[in-house]
Amino acid sequence: MGNLIKQSKIIYLFLTVSFISLASCSKNEVIAKQEVEETDLVFESFILEKKNNPYLKEDVVFNIDNGSISGTLKTYFFNSIPTFTTNAQSVKIDNLEQVSASSTVDFRTPITYSLKSESGATKTYTVNISWDDALAHIYIETEGAAPIVSKDDYLNAKLTIDGQSKYEDRVFEFSENARIKGRGNSTWAWPKKPFKIKLDSKETLVSHKDALSRLLPEKDWVLLADYQDGVHLLNNVAFTIGRMLDMPFTNTIIPVELTLNGNYLGVYGLTEQLEIKTNRVNVGKDGLLLELDQYYDEDWQFRSANYNLPVMVKDPDLDTQAELDAIKSEWNTFEALVASNDFPNNNYLDFIDGESIAKYFIVNMLTSNQEINHPKSTYLHKTATGKYTMGPLWDFDWAYGFEGSSRHFSNPNKDLFWTDAKAGTTFFKKLMLTDPKIKVLIKEHWLDFTSNHLDDLMDYIDEHAFIIKGAKARNLNMWNNGLVTDELIMKQWLQNRVLYINNYINNF
């Protein structure tokens, strides 16, 4: 009898456990069935509203269909704030919560939104962008459709600027006296020509619609052809480094597309003319802008006494030989201190700003811009009573390993200075690498740059390359001269150059 009772209890326990297990399985099946079959989880709308994205010309409404969000967006606005409505409890991208009309999204990369309901059901939406890759476009018509054949004689012109929503649309009629001519030295001989634009009044040619443009209004503007720049980043990156180092009067370049007399010419860089003006090199009406350049082609110029440097007065225009003689005397006094046997233990830093020497070295060293050896395109500025200051920066087409190899982004370990005794080599090597005080400044600014700005520089390259990608391809179809066009090669070269400089500076 006892055994029978025990068996009954065991059977009852087994049946109870089996029932609970079956009930549990049935409940899980229901939950799973609910998760699979819940099809009402949706994005109801997805819009880029102008009020949250002020550079947009109008709201951009995206289509939503079968797990896909699709629409057209200009490459300028890859960082945008979407406004969306959904019945989901949460919306995420890569596990980051997204808030409608608040969260900024970088649409350059593949985007997948994950929606989740209160019950735990999920649904994903992929974003498909049809990119409008047109840059701000400048249309120039010369009077009578005359060709631009001179660097000296201006032609009257009409300018029409299509700002592509990011910049203001502008028209300068013939009656407003816009003029254009050629410019450059070796660059003027290339098939794709650079130009200079002169206006009768101070204007910003390409200005932001809803923010203060970095290109401040003046009369003279430059269109750089970038014929020897396959990545269309050589000058842009150098100038960006200069701004990161807080070098005064460093230019800004805006990439544009150019059509001249109905002929599409590709990508150009719109930038400021180097000149003494309030919104350019602001050193006052009695200030000075000098250029050291072996072309030696300005109206007022002299060869320096100790190093035979080709010193030219870029600005202002002089009236008398006596004015040039005064400039020459001051320069030679400074240069004599650099040439002296007691350099650097003399008062040469009373004549030139030491910080600017260090920063100028860093920019040229990082970009391997060896033009200072000739010298070419090397500028200094000063106020009437102030010190010489290195800069502004200019002309990096032959930098990044091109000099001596005819190939950009070659030999990242090449020394900045040459072994032969060129005038620029002798002068600048002594000025930049002999004084322990300058070496300390170089170390300090280099450490700050690599610690606080190098990653931003790489991000700038990525952003700029993305924005100009379509225009760069159109330009390449017209002007394919075998240059390196991949910005990733440029980034890797810069990273290798940084490693080289770290070792170079550590061995000062």
Protein backbone atom coordinates (compact mmCIF):
# COMPACT_ATOMS: atom_id res chain seq x y z
CA MET A 1 0.00 0.00 0.00
CA GLY A 2 2.84 2.43 0.88
CA ASN A 3 4.54 1.76 -2.44
CA LEU A 4 1.33 2.51 -4.28
CA ILE A 5 1.01 5.88 -2.52
CA LYS A 6 4.64 6.75 -3.39
CA GLN A 7 4.09 5.87 -7.05
CA SER A 8 0.97 8.02 -7.11
CA LYS A 9 2.86 11.01 -5.72
CA ILE A 10 5.65 10.58 -8.29
CA ILE A 11 3.14 10.36 -11.13
CA TYR A 12 1.34 13.48 -9.82
CA LEU A 13 4.63 15.41 -9.56
CA PHE A 14 5.62 14.35 -13.08
CA LEU A 15 2.27 15.44 -14.49
CA THR A 16 2.48 18.76 -12.65
CA VAL A 17 6.00 19.53 -13.95
CA SER A 18 4.98 18.49 -17.46
CA PHE A 19 1.95 20.76 -17.39
CA ILE A 20 3.99 23.74 -16.19
CA SER A 21 6.61 23.09 -18.86
CA LEU A 22 3.98 22.81 -21.56
CA ALA A 23 2.30 25.97 -20.33
CA SER A 24 5.61 27.80 -20.32
CA CYS A 25 6.41 26.60 -23.85
CA SER A 26 2.98 27.65 -25.01
CA LYS A 27 3.46 31.14 -23.50
CA ASN A 28 6.92 31.55 -25.14
CA GLU A 29 5.46 30.45 -28.46
CA VAL A 30 2.77 33.11 -28.13
CA ILE A 31 5.36 35.82 -27.32
CA ALA A 32 7.56 34.70 -30.18
CA LYS A 33 4.53 34.63 -32.45
CA GLN A 34 3.65 38.17 -31.35
CA GLU A 35 7.21 39.43 -32.09
CA VAL A 36 7.22 37.86 -35.54
CA GLU A 37 3.73 38.86 -36.54
CA GLU A 38 3.66 42.46 -35.24
CA THR A 39 3.76 44.33 -38.53
CA ASP A 40 2.36 47.71 -37.46
CA LEU A 41 5.75 49.12 -36.31
CA VAL A 42 6.49 51.90 -38.81
CA PHE A 43 8.11 55.20 -39.66
CA GLU A 44 5.13 57.33 -40.61
CA SER A 45 7.17 60.28 -41.95
CA PHE A 46 10.81 61.29 -42.43
CA ILE A 47 11.67 64.88 -43.35
CA LEU A 48 14.68 67.20 -43.29
CA GLU A 49 13.02 70.44 -42.26
CA LYS A 50 14.53 73.77 -43.27
CA LYS A 51 13.87 75.19 -39.81
CA ASN A 52 16.25 72.60 -38.30
CA ASN A 53 18.64 72.59 -41.29
CA PRO A 54 18.89 76.29 -42.18
CA TYR A 55 21.10 75.86 -45.27
CA LEU A 56 18.42 73.82 -47.05
CA LYS A 57 16.48 75.68 -49.72
CA GLU A 58 13.28 73.93 -48.65
CA ASP A 59 12.10 70.88 -46.69
CA VAL A 60 13.32 67.56 -48.07
CA VAL A 61 10.62 64.88 -47.81
CA PHE A 62 11.80 61.27 -47.95
CA ASN A 63 9.79 58.35 -49.29
CA ILE A 64 9.10 55.41 -46.97
CA ASP A 65 8.42 51.99 -48.46
CA ASN A 66 8.95 48.43 -47.30
CA GLY A 67 11.70 49.05 -44.78
CA SER A 68 13.44 51.69 -46.90
CA ILE A 69 13.74 55.47 -46.50
CA SER A 70 14.84 57.17 -49.72
CA GLY A 71 15.38 60.75 -50.83
CA THR A 72 17.70 63.23 -52.54
CA LEU A 73 20.22 65.31 -50.58
CA LYS A 74 23.02 67.67 -51.58
CA THR A 75 26.46 66.52 -50.53
CA TYR A 76 26.92 69.85 -48.73
CA PHE A 77 24.33 68.74 -46.17
CA PHE A 78 25.53 65.27 -45.26
CA ASN A 79 25.22 66.28 -41.59
CA SER A 80 21.50 66.92 -41.17
CA ILE A 81 18.81 66.74 -38.51
CA PRO A 82 15.83 64.60 -39.54
CA THR A 83 12.30 65.06 -38.22
CA PHE A 84 10.34 61.82 -38.08
CA THR A 85 7.12 60.39 -36.71
CA THR A 86 6.77 56.76 -35.64
CA ASN A 87 4.71 54.52 -33.40
CA ALA A 88 7.90 52.94 -32.05
CA GLN A 89 8.81 53.34 -28.40
CA SER A 90 12.50 53.88 -29.29
CA VAL A 91 14.50 54.69 -32.40
CA LYS A 92 18.23 53.97 -32.59
CA ILE A 93 21.19 54.01 -34.97
CA ASP A 94 23.98 51.68 -33.85
CA ASN A 95 22.44 51.56 -30.36
CA LEU A 96 22.41 55.38 -30.11
CA GLU A 97 19.03 56.86 -29.27
CA GLN A 98 17.66 59.16 -31.98
CA VAL A 99 15.41 62.10 -31.17
CA SER A 100 13.23 63.60 -33.86
CA ALA A 101 14.14 67.18 -34.85
CA SER A 102 17.17 67.03 -32.53
CA SER A 103 19.71 64.30 -33.39
CA THR A 104 22.26 65.07 -36.11
CA VAL A 105 22.95 62.24 -38.54
CA ASP A 106 25.99 61.83 -40.79
CA PHE A 107 24.42 60.45 -43.94
CA ARG A 108 27.77 59.78 -45.68
CA THR A 109 27.86 56.29 -44.17
CA PRO A 110 25.22 53.54 -44.51
CA ILE A 111 22.43 54.27 -42.04
CA THR A 112 20.07 51.70 -40.51
CA TYR A 113 17.38 52.79 -38.09
CA SER A 114 16.21 50.23 -35.51
CA LEU A 115 12.66 50.65 -34.24
CA LYS A 116 11.43 48.93 -31.10
CA SER A 117 7.89 48.65 -29.74
CA GLU A 118 6.73 48.58 -26.14
CA SER A 119 6.31 44.82 -26.39
CA GLY A 120 9.87 44.38 -27.58
CA ALA A 121 9.17 43.85 -31.25
CA THR A 122 11.72 45.39 -33.65
CA LYS A 123 11.89 46.58 -37.22
CA THR A 124 14.73 48.11 -39.26
CA TYR A 125 14.75 50.76 -41.96
CA THR A 126 17.70 51.44 -44.27
CA VAL A 127 18.33 54.94 -45.63
CA ASN A 128 19.09 55.30 -49.33
CA ILE A 129 20.40 58.70 -50.46
CA SER A 130 20.49 59.89 -54.06
CA TRP A 131 23.28 62.46 -53.77
CA ASP A 132 23.19 65.78 -55.60
CA ASP A 133 26.93 66.39 -55.88
CA ALA A 134 26.94 69.78 -57.65
CA LEU A 135 29.21 72.39 -56.06
CA ALA A 136 28.53 76.10 -55.98
CA HIS A 137 28.90 77.11 -59.62
CA ILE A 138 30.38 80.31 -61.04
CA TYR A 139 29.38 81.22 -64.59
CA ILE A 140 31.58 83.87 -66.22
CA GLU A 141 30.83 85.61 -69.51
CA THR A 142 33.41 87.95 -70.91
CA GLU A 143 32.28 90.85 -73.04
CA GLY A 144 31.87 89.59 -76.57
CA ALA A 145 32.87 86.11 -75.36
CA ALA A 146 36.50 87.23 -75.70
CA PRO A 147 39.09 84.63 -74.61
CA ILE A 148 41.24 85.37 -71.56
CA VAL A 149 44.78 85.44 -72.93
CA SER A 150 46.59 87.96 -70.71
CA LYS A 151 47.84 88.20 -67.15
CA ASP A 152 48.05 91.97 -67.49
CA ASP A 153 44.86 93.11 -69.23
CA TYR A 154 41.44 92.72 -67.65
CA LEU A 155 38.29 91.89 -69.63
CA ASN A 156 34.85 93.10 -68.59
CA ALA A 157 32.75 90.18 -67.34
CA LYS A 158 29.34 89.13 -66.08
CA LEU A 159 29.38 86.78 -63.09
CA THR A 160 26.47 84.51 -62.20
CA ILE A 161 26.80 82.45 -59.04
CA ASP A 162 24.58 79.44 -58.36
CA GLY A 163 25.11 78.84 -54.66
CA GLN A 164 23.50 75.37 -54.66
CA SER A 165 21.42 76.33 -51.60
CA LYS A 166 24.46 76.57 -49.30
CA TYR A 167 25.64 79.94 -50.63
CA GLU A 168 23.83 83.02 -51.85
CA ASP A 169 22.87 83.20 -55.50
CA ARG A 170 24.49 86.32 -56.97
CA VAL A 171 24.63 88.12 -60.32
CA PHE A 172 27.20 90.79 -61.23
CA GLU A 173 26.13 92.37 -64.51
CA PHE A 174 28.49 93.93 -67.04
CA SER A 175 27.31 97.32 -65.83
CA GLU A 176 28.65 96.55 -62.33
CA ASN A 177 32.22 96.41 -63.70
CA ALA A 178 33.40 92.94 -62.76
CA ARG A 179 36.61 92.16 -64.62
CA ILE A 180 38.79 89.08 -65.12
CA LYS A 181 42.32 88.26 -66.30
CA GLY A 182 44.84 85.43 -66.12
CA ARG A 183 47.26 84.97 -63.23
CA GLY A 184 50.08 82.75 -61.95
CA ASN A 185 53.62 81.95 -63.02
CA SER A 186 54.16 78.35 -64.15
CA THR A 187 50.46 77.66 -63.62
CA TRP A 188 49.52 80.11 -66.39
CA ALA A 189 51.33 77.89 -68.92
CA TRP A 190 49.18 74.84 -68.10
CA PRO A 191 46.08 73.88 -70.13
CA LYS A 192 43.69 74.66 -67.28
CA LYS A 193 44.23 78.33 -66.46
CA PRO A 194 43.95 80.19 -63.14
CA PHE A 195 42.22 83.59 -63.05
CA LYS A 196 41.96 86.77 -61.05
CA ILE A 197 38.65 88.61 -60.61
CA LYS A 198 38.43 92.31 -59.76
CA LEU A 199 35.25 94.05 -58.62
CA ASP A 200 34.66 97.78 -58.39
CA SER A 201 33.25 97.42 -54.87
CA LYS A 202 34.03 95.19 -51.91
CA GLU A 203 31.98 92.01 -52.18
CA THR A 204 32.04 88.43 -50.98
CA LEU A 205 31.66 86.40 -54.15
CA VAL A 206 30.53 83.18 -52.48
CA SER A 207 28.94 83.84 -49.09
CA HIS A 208 27.00 81.58 -46.75
CA LYS A 209 23.28 82.20 -46.76
CA ASP A 210 22.70 82.02 -43.03
CA ALA A 211 26.11 82.53 -41.47
CA LEU A 212 29.05 84.89 -41.71
CA SER A 213 31.33 83.69 -44.49
CA ARG A 214 35.02 83.27 -43.77
CA LEU A 215 35.60 84.92 -47.15
CA LEU A 216 35.27 88.54 -46.09
CA PRO A 217 34.38 91.20 -48.68
CA GLU A 218 37.10 92.76 -50.84
CA LYS A 219 37.53 93.64 -54.50
CA ASP A 220 40.15 91.10 -55.63
CA TRP A 221 39.59 87.34 -55.82
CA VAL A 222 41.53 84.37 -57.14
CA LEU A 223 40.33 81.22 -58.91
CA LEU A 224 43.00 78.52 -58.48
CA ALA A 225 42.88 75.96 -61.29
CA ASP A 226 44.28 72.98 -59.30
CA TYR A 227 45.63 71.54 -62.55
CA GLN A 228 48.48 69.90 -60.63
CA ASP A 229 46.29 68.75 -57.75
CA GLY A 230 44.54 65.43 -58.32
CA VAL A 231 42.95 65.35 -54.87
CA HIS A 232 41.99 69.06 -54.92
CA LEU A 233 43.25 69.27 -51.36
CA LEU A 234 46.90 70.31 -51.51
CA ASN A 235 46.44 73.99 -50.70
CA ASN A 236 43.28 73.40 -48.66
CA VAL A 237 45.03 71.08 -46.22
CA ALA A 238 48.08 73.34 -45.84
CA PHE A 239 45.87 76.36 -45.15
CA THR A 240 43.79 74.33 -42.70
CA ILE A 241 46.96 73.40 -40.80
CA GLY A 242 47.87 77.09 -40.72
CA ARG A 243 44.51 78.04 -39.26
CA MET A 244 44.80 75.26 -36.67
CA LEU A 245 48.14 76.80 -35.66
CA ASP A 246 46.49 80.25 -35.46
CA MET A 247 48.69 81.69 -38.18
CA PRO A 248 47.34 85.15 -39.03
CA PHE A 249 45.79 85.98 -42.41
CA THR A 250 45.65 82.37 -43.57
CA ASN A 251 43.47 81.98 -46.66
CA THR A 252 40.27 80.00 -46.95
CA ILE A 253 39.48 78.08 -50.14
CA ILE A 254 35.93 77.28 -51.28
CA PRO A 255 35.72 74.60 -54.00
CA VAL A 256 33.51 75.68 -56.89
CA GLU A 257 32.75 74.57 -60.42
CA LEU A 258 33.47 77.05 -63.20
CA THR A 259 31.92 77.65 -66.60
CA LEU A 260 33.60 80.29 -68.80
CA ASN A 261 31.76 81.57 -71.88
CA GLY A 262 29.64 78.45 -71.92
CA ASN A 263 32.55 76.04 -71.53
CA TYR A 264 32.65 73.91 -68.38
CA LEU A 265 36.18 73.99 -66.92
CA GLY A 266 35.84 71.77 -63.84
CA VAL A 267 36.77 72.32 -60.19
CA TYR A 268 38.43 75.56 -59.07
CA GLY A 269 39.42 76.90 -55.66
CA LEU A 270 38.00 80.34 -54.89
CA THR A 271 40.23 82.21 -52.44
CA GLU A 272 41.47 85.62 -51.37
CA GLN A 273 44.08 87.69 -53.17
CA LEU A 274 47.24 88.17 -51.09
CA GLU A 275 47.28 91.92 -50.48
CA ILE A 276 47.30 94.52 -47.73
CA LYS A 277 43.66 95.24 -46.99
CA THR A 278 41.44 95.38 -43.90
CA ASN A 279 39.94 91.97 -44.70
CA ARG A 280 43.15 90.44 -46.04
CA VAL A 281 46.67 91.01 -44.66
CA ASN A 282 45.62 93.65 -42.16
CA VAL A 283 48.91 95.35 -41.29
CA GLY A 284 47.77 98.94 -41.77
CA LYS A 285 48.23 101.36 -44.65
CA ASP A 286 51.94 101.72 -43.81
CA GLY A 287 52.48 97.99 -43.42
CA LEU A 288 54.48 95.72 -45.68
CA LEU A 289 53.96 92.42 -47.53
CA LEU A 290 57.16 90.89 -48.92
CA GLU A 291 57.53 87.90 -51.22
CA LEU A 292 60.72 85.87 -51.62
CA ASP A 293 60.53 84.31 -55.08
CA GLN A 294 63.10 83.38 -57.68
CA TYR A 295 60.74 84.51 -60.46
CA TYR A 296 61.68 88.01 -59.31
CA ASP A 297 58.87 89.64 -61.31
CA GLU A 298 57.41 92.43 -59.17
CA ASP A 299 57.93 96.12 -59.96
CA TRP A 300 59.86 96.83 -56.75
CA GLN A 301 62.54 94.31 -55.76
CA PHE A 302 66.11 93.82 -54.55
CA ARG A 303 68.68 91.13 -53.87
CA SER A 304 69.59 90.87 -50.20
CA ALA A 305 73.13 91.62 -49.08
CA ASN A 306 74.16 88.46 -47.22
CA TYR A 307 72.16 85.61 -48.80
CA ASN A 308 71.30 87.06 -52.22
CA LEU A 309 67.63 86.39 -51.58
CA PRO A 310 65.15 87.64 -54.23
CA VAL A 311 63.08 90.03 -52.08
CA MET A 312 60.05 91.62 -53.73
CA VAL A 313 57.55 94.17 -52.40
CA LYS A 314 54.21 92.49 -53.03
CA ASP A 315 52.25 95.29 -51.41
CA PRO A 316 51.93 98.27 -51.20
CA ASP A 317 52.75 99.89 -54.52
CA LEU A 318 55.71 102.20 -54.01
CA ASP A 319 56.20 105.64 -55.49
CA THR A 320 59.94 106.25 -55.17
CA GLN A 321 63.29 104.47 -55.04
CA ALA A 322 63.82 106.02 -51.61
CA GLU A 323 60.88 103.98 -50.26
CA LEU A 324 62.42 100.79 -51.62
CA ASP A 325 65.83 101.73 -50.21
CA ALA A 326 64.31 102.08 -46.72
CA ILE A 327 62.70 98.62 -46.98
CA LYS A 328 65.95 97.15 -48.28
CA SER A 329 67.98 98.71 -45.48
CA GLU A 330 65.69 97.31 -42.78
CA TRP A 331 65.76 93.83 -44.32
CA ASN A 332 69.52 93.79 -44.67
CA THR A 333 69.93 94.86 -41.05
CA PHE A 334 67.82 91.90 -39.97
CA GLU A 335 69.52 89.51 -42.39
CA ALA A 336 72.98 90.56 -41.21
CA LEU A 337 72.05 89.39 -37.70
CA VAL A 338 71.05 85.97 -39.07
CA ALA A 339 74.34 85.77 -41.02
CA SER A 340 76.43 86.89 -38.04
CA ASN A 341 78.80 84.52 -36.27
CA ASP A 342 77.13 85.32 -32.95
CA PHE A 343 73.68 84.18 -34.20
CA PRO A 344 71.41 83.29 -32.43
CA ASN A 345 72.93 85.04 -29.43
CA ASN A 346 72.14 88.50 -30.74
CA ASN A 347 69.00 90.58 -31.03
CA TYR A 348 67.70 89.09 -34.32
CA LEU A 349 64.35 88.28 -32.64
CA ASP A 350 63.80 92.02 -32.25
CA PHE A 351 63.20 91.95 -36.01
CA ILE A 352 61.16 88.76 -36.56
CA ASP A 353 58.46 86.92 -34.63
CA GLY A 354 59.80 83.62 -33.27
CA GLU A 355 56.37 81.97 -32.99
CA SER A 356 55.77 82.55 -36.69
CA ILE A 357 59.12 80.93 -37.57
CA ALA A 358 58.16 77.78 -35.63
CA LYS A 359 54.67 77.57 -37.11
CA TYR A 360 55.87 78.23 -40.65
CA PHE A 361 58.40 75.44 -40.24
CA ILE A 362 55.71 73.02 -39.01
CA VAL A 363 53.36 73.65 -41.95
CA ASN A 364 56.12 73.31 -44.54
CA MET A 365 57.67 70.33 -42.78
CA LEU A 366 54.37 68.44 -42.48
CA THR A 367 53.48 69.06 -46.13
CA SER A 368 57.09 68.62 -47.32
CA ASN A 369 56.83 71.94 -49.11
CA GLN A 370 60.39 72.61 -50.26
CA GLU A 371 59.69 75.92 -52.00
CA ILE A 372 61.58 77.79 -49.27
CA ASN A 373 64.79 76.27 -50.65
CA HIS A 374 64.54 78.13 -53.96
CA PRO A 375 62.86 80.30 -52.48
CA LYS A 376 59.45 80.62 -54.15
CA SER A 377 56.03 81.77 -52.90
CA THR A 378 57.46 82.61 -49.46
CA TYR A 379 55.79 85.58 -47.78
CA LEU A 380 56.48 87.78 -44.75
CA HIS A 381 54.39 90.66 -43.46
CA LYS A 382 54.84 93.40 -40.86
CA THR A 383 53.20 96.52 -39.55
CA ALA A 384 55.05 99.83 -39.92
CA THR A 385 56.68 99.51 -36.49
CA GLY A 386 56.30 95.76 -35.88
CA LYS A 387 58.37 92.65 -36.53
CA TYR A 388 58.51 90.51 -39.63
CA THR A 389 56.02 87.65 -39.38
CA MET A 390 56.23 84.56 -41.58
CA GLY A 391 53.24 84.15 -43.90
CA PRO A 392 50.67 84.13 -45.31
CA LEU A 393 50.96 80.58 -46.63
CA TRP A 394 50.73 80.11 -50.39
CA ASP A 395 51.19 77.58 -53.21
CA PHE A 396 51.53 73.93 -52.19
CA ASP A 397 51.15 72.32 -55.65
CA TRP A 398 54.75 71.07 -55.55
CA ALA A 399 54.56 69.91 -51.93
CA TYR A 400 53.67 66.50 -50.45
CA GLY A 401 56.74 64.83 -51.97
CA PHE A 402 56.22 66.16 -55.52
CA GLU A 403 59.40 68.23 -55.70
CA GLY A 404 62.13 66.10 -57.23
CA SER A 405 59.87 63.11 -57.90
CA SER A 406 56.97 64.57 -59.94
CA ARG A 407 54.67 62.36 -57.86
CA HIS A 408 52.59 63.55 -54.93
CA PHE A 409 52.67 61.55 -51.69
CA SER A 410 56.06 59.98 -52.31
CA ASN A 411 58.94 59.69 -49.84
CA PRO A 412 57.34 60.77 -46.55
CA ASN A 413 60.77 60.69 -44.87
CA LYS A 414 62.41 63.31 -47.04
CA ASP A 415 64.22 66.20 -45.33
CA LEU A 416 62.67 69.63 -45.79
CA PHE A 417 66.02 71.22 -46.63
CA TRP A 418 68.30 70.41 -49.55
CA THR A 419 71.97 69.52 -49.33
CA ASP A 420 73.12 72.01 -51.96
CA ALA A 421 73.66 75.63 -50.96
CA LYS A 422 70.63 77.37 -52.47
CA ALA A 423 70.02 80.84 -51.04
CA GLY A 424 66.72 79.84 -49.44
CA THR A 425 68.16 76.63 -48.03
CA THR A 426 71.06 78.39 -46.33
CA PHE A 427 68.97 81.21 -44.91
CA PHE A 428 65.94 79.30 -43.68
CA LYS A 429 67.81 76.29 -42.35
CA LYS A 430 69.85 78.60 -40.15
CA LEU A 431 66.80 80.66 -39.14
CA MET A 432 64.64 77.67 -38.26
CA LEU A 433 67.01 75.02 -36.90
CA THR A 434 69.90 76.81 -35.16
CA ASP A 435 68.32 78.73 -32.29
CA PRO A 436 67.40 76.54 -29.27
CA LYS A 437 64.54 78.96 -28.50
CA ILE A 438 62.97 78.30 -31.90
CA LYS A 439 63.42 74.56 -31.45
CA VAL A 440 61.53 74.73 -28.15
CA LEU A 441 58.70 76.61 -29.87
CA ILE A 442 58.60 74.03 -32.66
CA LYS A 443 58.34 71.20 -30.13
CA GLU A 444 55.57 72.95 -28.17
CA HIS A 445 53.43 73.78 -31.20
CA TRP A 446 54.00 70.38 -32.79
CA LEU A 447 52.89 68.59 -29.63
CA ASP A 448 49.79 70.77 -29.41
CA PHE A 449 48.97 70.17 -33.06
CA THR A 450 49.35 66.39 -32.97
CA SER A 451 47.48 66.14 -29.66
CA ASN A 452 44.58 68.49 -30.39
CA HIS A 453 44.26 68.99 -34.15
CA LEU A 454 45.58 66.04 -36.15
CA ASP A 455 42.35 64.04 -35.91
CA ASP A 456 40.37 67.12 -36.92
CA LEU A 457 42.62 67.52 -39.95
CA MET A 458 41.89 63.94 -41.02
CA ASP A 459 38.16 64.55 -40.55
CA TYR A 460 38.45 67.69 -42.67
CA ILE A 461 40.03 65.68 -45.49
CA ASP A 462 37.21 63.11 -45.33
CA GLU A 463 34.50 65.79 -45.37
CA HIS A 464 36.08 67.86 -48.15
CA ALA A 465 36.72 64.77 -50.29
CA PHE A 466 33.10 63.67 -49.90
CA ILE A 467 31.71 67.08 -50.87
CA ILE A 468 33.84 67.38 -54.04
CA LYS A 469 33.66 63.72 -55.10
CA GLY A 470 31.26 64.20 -58.01
CA ALA A 471 32.83 67.43 -59.22
CA LYS A 472 36.30 65.86 -58.96
CA ALA A 473 35.17 63.03 -61.25
CA ARG A 474 33.80 65.52 -63.76
CA ASN A 475 37.06 67.47 -63.59
CA LEU A 476 39.08 64.27 -64.12
CA ASN A 477 37.15 63.53 -67.29
CA MET A 478 38.45 66.81 -68.68
CA TRP A 479 41.92 67.14 -67.17
CA ASN A 480 43.40 63.71 -66.54
CA ASN A 481 47.17 64.23 -66.28
CA GLY A 482 48.04 61.13 -64.30
CA LEU A 483 48.03 62.63 -60.79
CA VAL A 484 47.17 60.83 -57.56
CA THR A 485 43.44 61.34 -56.96
CA ASP A 486 42.80 59.18 -53.86
CA GLU A 487 42.57 61.19 -50.63
CA LEU A 488 43.17 58.00 -48.62
CA ILE A 489 46.69 57.91 -50.05
CA MET A 490 47.11 61.51 -48.91
CA LYS A 491 45.92 60.67 -45.39
CA GLN A 492 48.29 57.71 -45.08
CA TRP A 493 51.18 59.83 -46.36
CA LEU A 494 50.42 62.51 -43.75
CA GLN A 495 50.31 59.88 -41.00
CA ASN A 496 53.70 58.57 -42.14
CA ARG A 497 55.01 62.12 -42.28
CA VAL A 498 53.90 62.68 -38.68
CA LEU A 499 55.90 59.63 -37.56
CA TYR A 500 58.94 60.96 -39.39
CA ILE A 501 58.60 64.42 -37.82
CA ASN A 502 58.14 62.96 -34.34
CA ASN A 503 61.49 61.25 -34.67
CA TYR A 504 63.06 64.31 -36.32
CA ILE A 505 62.00 66.66 -33.53
CA ASN A 506 62.94 64.21 -30.79
CA ASN A 507 66.50 64.33 -32.17
CA PHE A 508 66.76 68.11 -32.11
